[in-house]
Protein backbone atom coordinates (compact mmCIF):
# COMPACT_ATOMS: atom_id res chain seq x y z
CA MET A 1 2.02 20.73 -9.18
CA ILE A 2 2.79 17.01 -9.34
CA LEU A 3 0.22 14.36 -10.33
CA LEU A 4 0.59 10.60 -10.01
CA ALA A 5 -1.26 8.54 -12.61
CA SER A 6 -2.08 4.83 -12.51
CA PRO A 7 -2.70 2.99 -15.81
CA GLY A 8 -5.57 0.72 -16.71
CA GLN A 9 -6.08 -2.76 -18.12
CA GLY A 10 -4.09 -3.52 -21.24
CA ALA A 11 -0.96 -1.77 -19.95
CA GLN A 12 0.41 -5.01 -18.49
CA SER A 13 3.02 -7.10 -20.32
CA PRO A 14 4.72 -10.40 -19.44
CA GLY A 15 7.48 -10.02 -16.85
CA PHE A 16 6.90 -6.32 -16.15
CA LEU A 17 7.25 -6.81 -12.37
CA GLN A 18 10.58 -8.67 -12.54
CA PRO A 19 12.90 -5.68 -11.92
CA TRP A 20 10.74 -4.45 -9.04
CA LEU A 21 11.15 -7.70 -7.12
CA GLU A 22 14.84 -6.93 -6.67
CA ILE A 23 13.63 -4.49 -3.99
CA PRO A 24 12.97 -6.63 -0.86
CA ALA A 25 10.14 -4.40 0.38
CA VAL A 26 8.28 -4.85 -2.92
CA ALA A 27 8.64 -8.62 -2.81
CA ASP A 28 7.38 -8.69 0.78
CA ARG A 29 4.43 -6.45 0.03
CA LEU A 30 3.40 -8.49 -3.03
CA ALA A 31 3.59 -11.71 -1.01
CA TRP A 32 1.12 -10.19 1.48
CA TRP A 33 -1.13 -8.80 -1.22
CA SER A 34 -1.14 -12.21 -2.93
CA ALA A 35 -2.80 -13.52 0.22
CA VAL A 36 -5.29 -10.63 0.13
CA THR A 37 -6.25 -11.22 -3.51
CA GLY A 38 -5.96 -15.01 -3.58
CA LEU A 39 -3.61 -14.71 -6.57
CA ASP A 40 0.12 -15.40 -6.90
CA LEU A 41 0.90 -11.85 -7.96
CA VAL A 42 4.64 -12.50 -8.05
CA ARG A 43 4.27 -15.34 -10.52
CA TYR A 44 1.76 -13.47 -12.66
CA GLY A 45 4.02 -10.43 -12.76
CA THR A 46 7.17 -12.34 -13.66
CA GLU A 47 6.53 -15.75 -15.24
CA ALA A 48 2.99 -15.71 -16.67
CA ASP A 49 2.49 -15.30 -20.41
CA ALA A 50 0.40 -12.65 -22.14
CA GLU A 51 -2.73 -14.81 -22.26
CA GLU A 52 -2.66 -15.52 -18.52
CA ILE A 53 -2.39 -11.87 -17.56
CA ARG A 54 -5.04 -10.94 -20.12
CA ASP A 55 -7.58 -12.63 -17.83
CA THR A 56 -9.57 -9.80 -16.28
CA ALA A 57 -9.68 -11.47 -12.87
CA VAL A 58 -5.87 -11.57 -12.89
CA ALA A 59 -4.98 -8.37 -14.74
CA GLN A 60 -6.92 -5.98 -12.54
CA PRO A 61 -5.48 -6.98 -9.13
CA LEU A 62 -2.03 -7.28 -10.70
CA LEU A 63 -2.16 -3.73 -12.06
CA VAL A 64 -3.38 -2.19 -8.81
CA ALA A 65 -0.82 -4.10 -6.74
CA ALA A 66 2.01 -3.08 -9.07
CA ALA A 67 1.08 0.60 -8.90
CA LEU A 68 0.75 0.58 -5.12
CA ALA A 69 4.01 -1.31 -4.57
CA ALA A 70 5.94 1.12 -6.78
CA HIS A 71 4.26 4.07 -5.08
CA ASP A 72 5.39 2.81 -1.66
CA VAL A 73 8.99 2.77 -2.85
CA LEU A 74 8.74 6.10 -4.64
CA SER A 75 7.04 8.00 -1.85
CA ALA A 76 9.37 7.10 1.02
CA ASP A 77 10.44 10.34 2.75
CA LEU A 78 8.71 12.46 0.12
CA PRO A 79 5.54 14.58 0.39
CA ARG A 80 2.19 13.42 -0.95
CA PRO A 81 1.48 14.32 -4.57
CA ASP A 82 -0.71 17.34 -5.22
CA ALA A 83 -3.13 15.31 -7.33
CA VAL A 84 -3.86 11.70 -8.30
CA ALA A 85 -5.76 10.04 -11.14
CA GLY A 86 -6.18 6.54 -12.49
CA HIS A 87 -7.43 5.20 -15.80
CA SER A 88 -10.25 2.67 -15.38
CA VAL A 89 -9.05 0.05 -12.87
CA GLY A 90 -6.17 2.40 -12.11
CA GLU A 91 -8.71 4.43 -10.14
CA LEU A 92 -8.52 1.81 -7.38
CA ALA A 93 -4.80 2.46 -6.99
CA ALA A 94 -5.43 6.21 -7.17
CA ALA A 95 -8.01 5.92 -4.39
CA ALA A 96 -5.52 4.13 -2.13
CA ILE A 97 -2.74 6.64 -2.88
CA ALA A 98 -5.12 9.49 -2.08
CA GLY A 99 -6.07 7.89 1.25
CA VAL A 100 -9.68 7.11 0.32
CA LEU A 101 -9.07 3.35 0.66
CA SER A 102 -6.46 1.31 2.48
CA PRO A 103 -4.29 -0.76 0.12
CA GLU A 104 -6.00 -3.90 1.39
CA ALA A 105 -9.49 -2.46 0.84
CA ALA A 106 -8.51 -1.40 -2.68
CA LEU A 107 -7.20 -4.89 -3.44
CA VAL A 108 -10.28 -6.64 -2.05
CA LEU A 109 -12.49 -4.34 -4.10
CA VAL A 110 -10.43 -4.85 -7.27
CA ARG A 111 -10.40 -8.61 -6.67
CA GLU A 112 -14.19 -8.64 -6.66
CA ARG A 113 -14.36 -6.13 -9.53
CA GLY A 114 -12.10 -8.27 -11.70
CA ARG A 115 -14.06 -11.43 -10.99
CA ALA A 116 -17.42 -9.78 -11.60
CA MET A 117 -16.29 -8.15 -14.84
CA ALA A 118 -14.79 -11.43 -16.07
CA GLU A 119 -18.10 -13.18 -15.40
CA ALA A 120 -20.03 -10.41 -17.16
CA ALA A 121 -17.68 -10.57 -20.15
CA ALA A 122 -18.23 -14.32 -20.46
CA VAL A 123 -21.96 -13.92 -21.08
CA THR A 124 -21.61 -12.39 -24.57
CA GLU A 125 -18.64 -12.36 -26.93
CA THR A 126 -17.51 -8.75 -26.87
CA GLY A 127 -14.34 -6.76 -27.34
CA MET A 128 -12.71 -3.35 -27.73
CA THR A 129 -10.95 -1.60 -30.60
CA ALA A 130 -8.81 1.51 -30.37
CA VAL A 131 -9.50 4.15 -33.02
CA LEU A 132 -6.41 6.25 -33.65
CA GLY A 133 -6.74 9.51 -35.52
CA GLY A 134 -9.62 10.71 -37.67
CA ASP A 135 -12.02 13.54 -36.91
CA PRO A 136 -13.41 12.92 -33.38
CA GLU A 137 -16.98 13.75 -34.35
CA GLU A 138 -16.81 11.44 -37.37
CA VAL A 139 -15.29 8.68 -35.23
CA LEU A 140 -18.06 8.98 -32.63
CA ALA A 141 -20.70 8.99 -35.36
CA ALA A 142 -19.24 5.83 -36.90
CA ILE A 143 -19.12 4.11 -33.52
CA ASP A 144 -22.77 4.97 -32.93
CA LYS A 145 -23.76 3.86 -36.44
CA HIS A 146 -22.46 0.36 -35.75
CA GLY A 147 -24.20 0.06 -32.39
CA LEU A 148 -20.99 0.35 -30.40
CA THR A 149 -20.03 2.42 -27.36
CA PRO A 150 -17.15 4.92 -27.07
CA ALA A 151 -15.93 3.16 -23.91
CA ASN A 152 -12.75 5.23 -23.56
CA VAL A 153 -12.45 8.78 -24.85
CA ASN A 154 -8.76 9.18 -24.16
CA GLY A 155 -7.92 12.45 -25.90
CA ALA A 156 -4.83 12.91 -28.09
CA GLY A 157 -6.71 11.42 -31.04
CA GLN A 158 -7.64 8.12 -29.35
CA ILE A 159 -11.14 6.74 -28.80
CA VAL A 160 -11.91 3.11 -27.93
CA ALA A 161 -15.00 1.47 -29.43
CA ALA A 162 -16.52 -1.43 -27.52
CA GLY A 163 -19.33 -3.91 -28.07
CA ALA A 164 -20.28 -7.20 -29.68
CA VAL A 165 -17.53 -8.77 -31.80
CA ASP A 166 -19.72 -8.98 -34.91
CA ARG A 167 -20.39 -5.26 -34.73
CA LEU A 168 -16.69 -4.57 -34.19
CA ALA A 169 -16.00 -6.63 -37.32
CA GLU A 170 -18.47 -4.54 -39.31
CA PHE A 171 -16.87 -1.40 -37.90
CA ALA A 172 -13.46 -2.65 -39.05
CA ASP A 173 -14.82 -3.16 -42.57
CA GLU A 174 -16.08 0.45 -42.63
CA PRO A 175 -13.61 2.49 -40.55
CA PRO A 176 -13.85 6.26 -40.10
CA ALA A 177 -11.90 8.33 -42.61
CA LYS A 178 -8.19 8.83 -41.81
CA ALA A 179 -8.40 6.57 -38.75
CA ARG A 180 -6.43 3.45 -37.87
CA LEU A 181 -8.09 0.63 -35.92
CA ARG A 182 -6.26 -1.56 -33.43
CA PRO A 183 -8.06 -4.42 -31.65
CA LEU A 184 -7.20 -4.46 -27.95
CA SER A 185 -6.12 -7.51 -25.98
CA VAL A 186 -8.92 -7.40 -23.42
CA ALA A 187 -11.52 -9.97 -22.49
CA GLY A 188 -14.69 -7.95 -23.04
CA ALA A 189 -16.48 -4.66 -23.64
CA PHE A 190 -15.56 -2.87 -20.44
CA HIS A 191 -17.26 0.40 -19.52
CA THR A 192 -20.39 -0.48 -21.49
CA GLU A 193 -23.85 -1.83 -20.72
CA TYR A 194 -22.42 -5.36 -20.92
CA MET A 195 -20.83 -4.75 -17.51
CA ALA A 196 -24.16 -4.07 -15.75
CA PRO A 197 -24.04 -7.40 -13.82
CA ALA A 198 -20.65 -6.43 -12.40
CA VAL A 199 -22.04 -3.08 -11.26
CA ASP A 200 -24.78 -4.93 -9.37
CA VAL A 201 -22.16 -7.04 -7.55
CA LEU A 202 -20.13 -4.01 -6.54
CA ARG A 203 -23.19 -2.03 -5.44
CA ARG A 204 -23.82 -4.70 -2.81
CA LEU A 205 -20.24 -4.44 -1.52
CA ALA A 206 -19.64 -0.69 -1.68
CA PRO A 207 -21.65 0.41 1.41
CA GLY A 208 -19.41 -1.71 3.66
CA VAL A 209 -16.10 -0.47 2.25
CA PRO A 210 -14.31 1.84 4.74
CA ALA A 211 -13.64 5.15 2.98
CA ALA A 212 -12.00 8.44 3.97
CA ASP A 213 -11.92 11.77 2.18
CA PRO A 214 -8.94 12.18 -0.18
CA ALA A 215 -5.90 14.18 0.94
CA PRO A 216 -4.63 15.27 -2.50
CA ARG A 217 -6.92 16.27 -5.33
CA LEU A 218 -8.49 13.14 -6.78
CA ILE A 219 -9.71 13.26 -10.38
CA GLN A 220 -12.45 10.84 -11.47
CA ASN A 221 -12.99 9.20 -14.86
CA ARG A 222 -16.69 9.84 -15.42
CA ASP A 223 -16.33 13.55 -16.15
CA GLY A 224 -12.88 14.63 -14.97
CA ALA A 225 -14.32 16.03 -11.74
CA VAL A 226 -12.17 16.58 -8.66
CA VAL A 227 -14.02 14.56 -6.03
CA ASP A 228 -13.73 15.75 -2.43
CA GLY A 229 -15.68 12.99 -0.67
CA GLY A 230 -14.35 9.48 -0.17
CA ARG A 231 -17.79 7.87 -0.11
CA GLU A 232 -18.77 9.67 -3.30
CA PHE A 233 -15.58 8.47 -4.98
CA VAL A 234 -16.29 4.83 -4.04
CA ASP A 235 -19.83 5.15 -5.41
CA ARG A 236 -18.44 6.63 -8.62
CA LEU A 237 -15.94 3.74 -8.89
CA VAL A 238 -18.83 1.30 -8.86
CA GLU A 239 -20.90 3.06 -11.50
CA GLN A 240 -17.82 3.65 -13.69
CA VAL A 241 -17.60 -0.07 -14.47
CA SER A 242 -20.42 0.30 -17.02
CA ALA A 243 -19.81 3.95 -17.96
CA PRO A 244 -17.30 5.36 -20.47
CA VAL A 245 -13.90 6.55 -19.25
CA ARG A 246 -13.39 10.22 -20.12
CA TRP A 247 -9.64 10.49 -19.82
CA ASP A 248 -9.82 13.49 -22.14
CA ALA A 249 -11.84 15.28 -19.46
CA CYS A 250 -9.37 14.16 -16.80
CA MET A 251 -6.48 15.70 -18.76
CA GLU A 252 -8.46 18.90 -19.23
CA THR A 253 -8.90 19.07 -15.46
CA MET A 254 -5.16 18.51 -15.02
CA ARG A 255 -4.59 21.51 -17.25
CA GLU A 256 -7.15 23.64 -15.37
CA ILE A 257 -5.79 22.93 -11.89
CA GLY A 258 -2.23 23.68 -12.98
CA VAL A 259 -0.51 20.28 -13.13
CA THR A 260 3.10 20.84 -14.18
CA ALA A 261 4.47 17.29 -13.92
CA ILE A 262 3.07 13.75 -14.17
CA ILE A 263 4.58 10.49 -12.97
CA GLU A 264 2.93 7.36 -14.33
CA LEU A 265 3.19 4.33 -12.07
CA PRO A 266 3.99 0.89 -13.52
CA PRO A 267 3.32 -0.60 -15.93
CA ALA A 268 3.96 2.89 -17.24
CA GLY A 269 3.94 4.39 -20.72
CA THR A 270 0.35 4.59 -21.91
CA LEU A 271 -0.80 7.64 -19.94
CA THR A 272 2.43 9.58 -20.32
CA GLY A 273 2.14 8.93 -24.06
CA LEU A 274 -1.29 10.55 -24.11
CA ALA A 275 -0.11 13.44 -21.94
CA ARG A 276 2.90 14.04 -24.18
CA ARG A 277 0.56 14.77 -27.08
CA GLU A 278 -2.18 16.56 -25.13
CA LEU A 279 -0.49 18.44 -22.27
CA LYS A 280 2.33 20.35 -23.88
CA GLY A 281 4.91 21.70 -21.46
CA VAL A 282 4.08 19.25 -18.66
CA GLU A 283 7.13 17.28 -17.51
CA LEU A 284 6.66 13.51 -17.61
CA VAL A 285 8.26 10.42 -16.12
CA ALA A 286 7.10 6.91 -17.00
CA LEU A 287 8.12 4.87 -13.94
CA LYS A 288 8.74 1.57 -15.72
CA THR A 289 11.52 0.09 -13.58
CA PRO A 290 13.44 1.02 -10.42
CA ALA A 291 16.02 2.66 -12.70
CA ASP A 292 13.47 5.46 -13.17
CA LEU A 293 13.04 6.17 -9.45
CA ASP A 294 15.66 8.90 -9.20
CA LYS A 295 14.13 10.82 -12.10
CA ALA A 296 10.69 10.52 -10.52
CA ARG A 297 11.91 11.65 -7.09
CA ASP A 298 13.71 14.63 -8.58
CA LEU A 299 10.52 15.57 -10.40
CA ILE A 300 8.51 15.40 -7.17
CA LYS A 301 10.98 17.61 -5.34
CA ALA A 302 11.00 20.14 -8.16
CA HIS A 303 7.24 20.40 -8.64
CA THR A 304 5.60 19.76 -5.25
CA ARG A 305 4.24 22.93 -3.69
């Protein structure tokens, strides 16, 4: 059983789209999607520096567009994947791949999501810190002690603490035993109560978004559930903006439904890294550049039922 995974914010790096633009269809699609999002996605994906693409209003549409463009190239003349999942904003790409949203609807929604989350993040100085290693229960207790939120529970020994920067500083001064802390290059405390204003914006938009039921199995971040209804998935996308991402639960679901291979769409590497440690025996391809397409296609042919 093959699963396609789409990464979340923070996976982007300067110039990551450059090799993909050598494929004419990708360049054409990104030119169209630049009009949809009101952003020069080609420039942001090739010439912009790290600070520019750190901007939430830029990073989120860029990530979704990159995943969808690569998926279009990958999936030509191949069957649909058996299952799809996305991490945080990657869920918008996953929804389009699964047929819940059109690519344009996904990009309009992510455009508004990115803007609303950027505005919410600007109200209070907040951030996120990855906690690597340590006893999970002790890590969660330490996060709670400092008034922070476990915004991402990623599995494979990785939990992300989020909240006010002064509390993150106190947390850094008193880290959990045997854990390493790594501040993340993001603009705010995503998937926490600080994003409530963004949820309100998206709640007003969601009822008008055209949605269909997913064709492949579609795994959702809140609890790792396989969601059968398109409208339910859109509603969950909205509420997820201020709720923790349980990627650990998503990987547990992957194990339970019998996933045997995972392809991570660009900018790939983060989710396959987690799967390598957590899902032993599952074959993995990080689709970073077009040079990885043949490996990904071979994997699809070998593992699609």
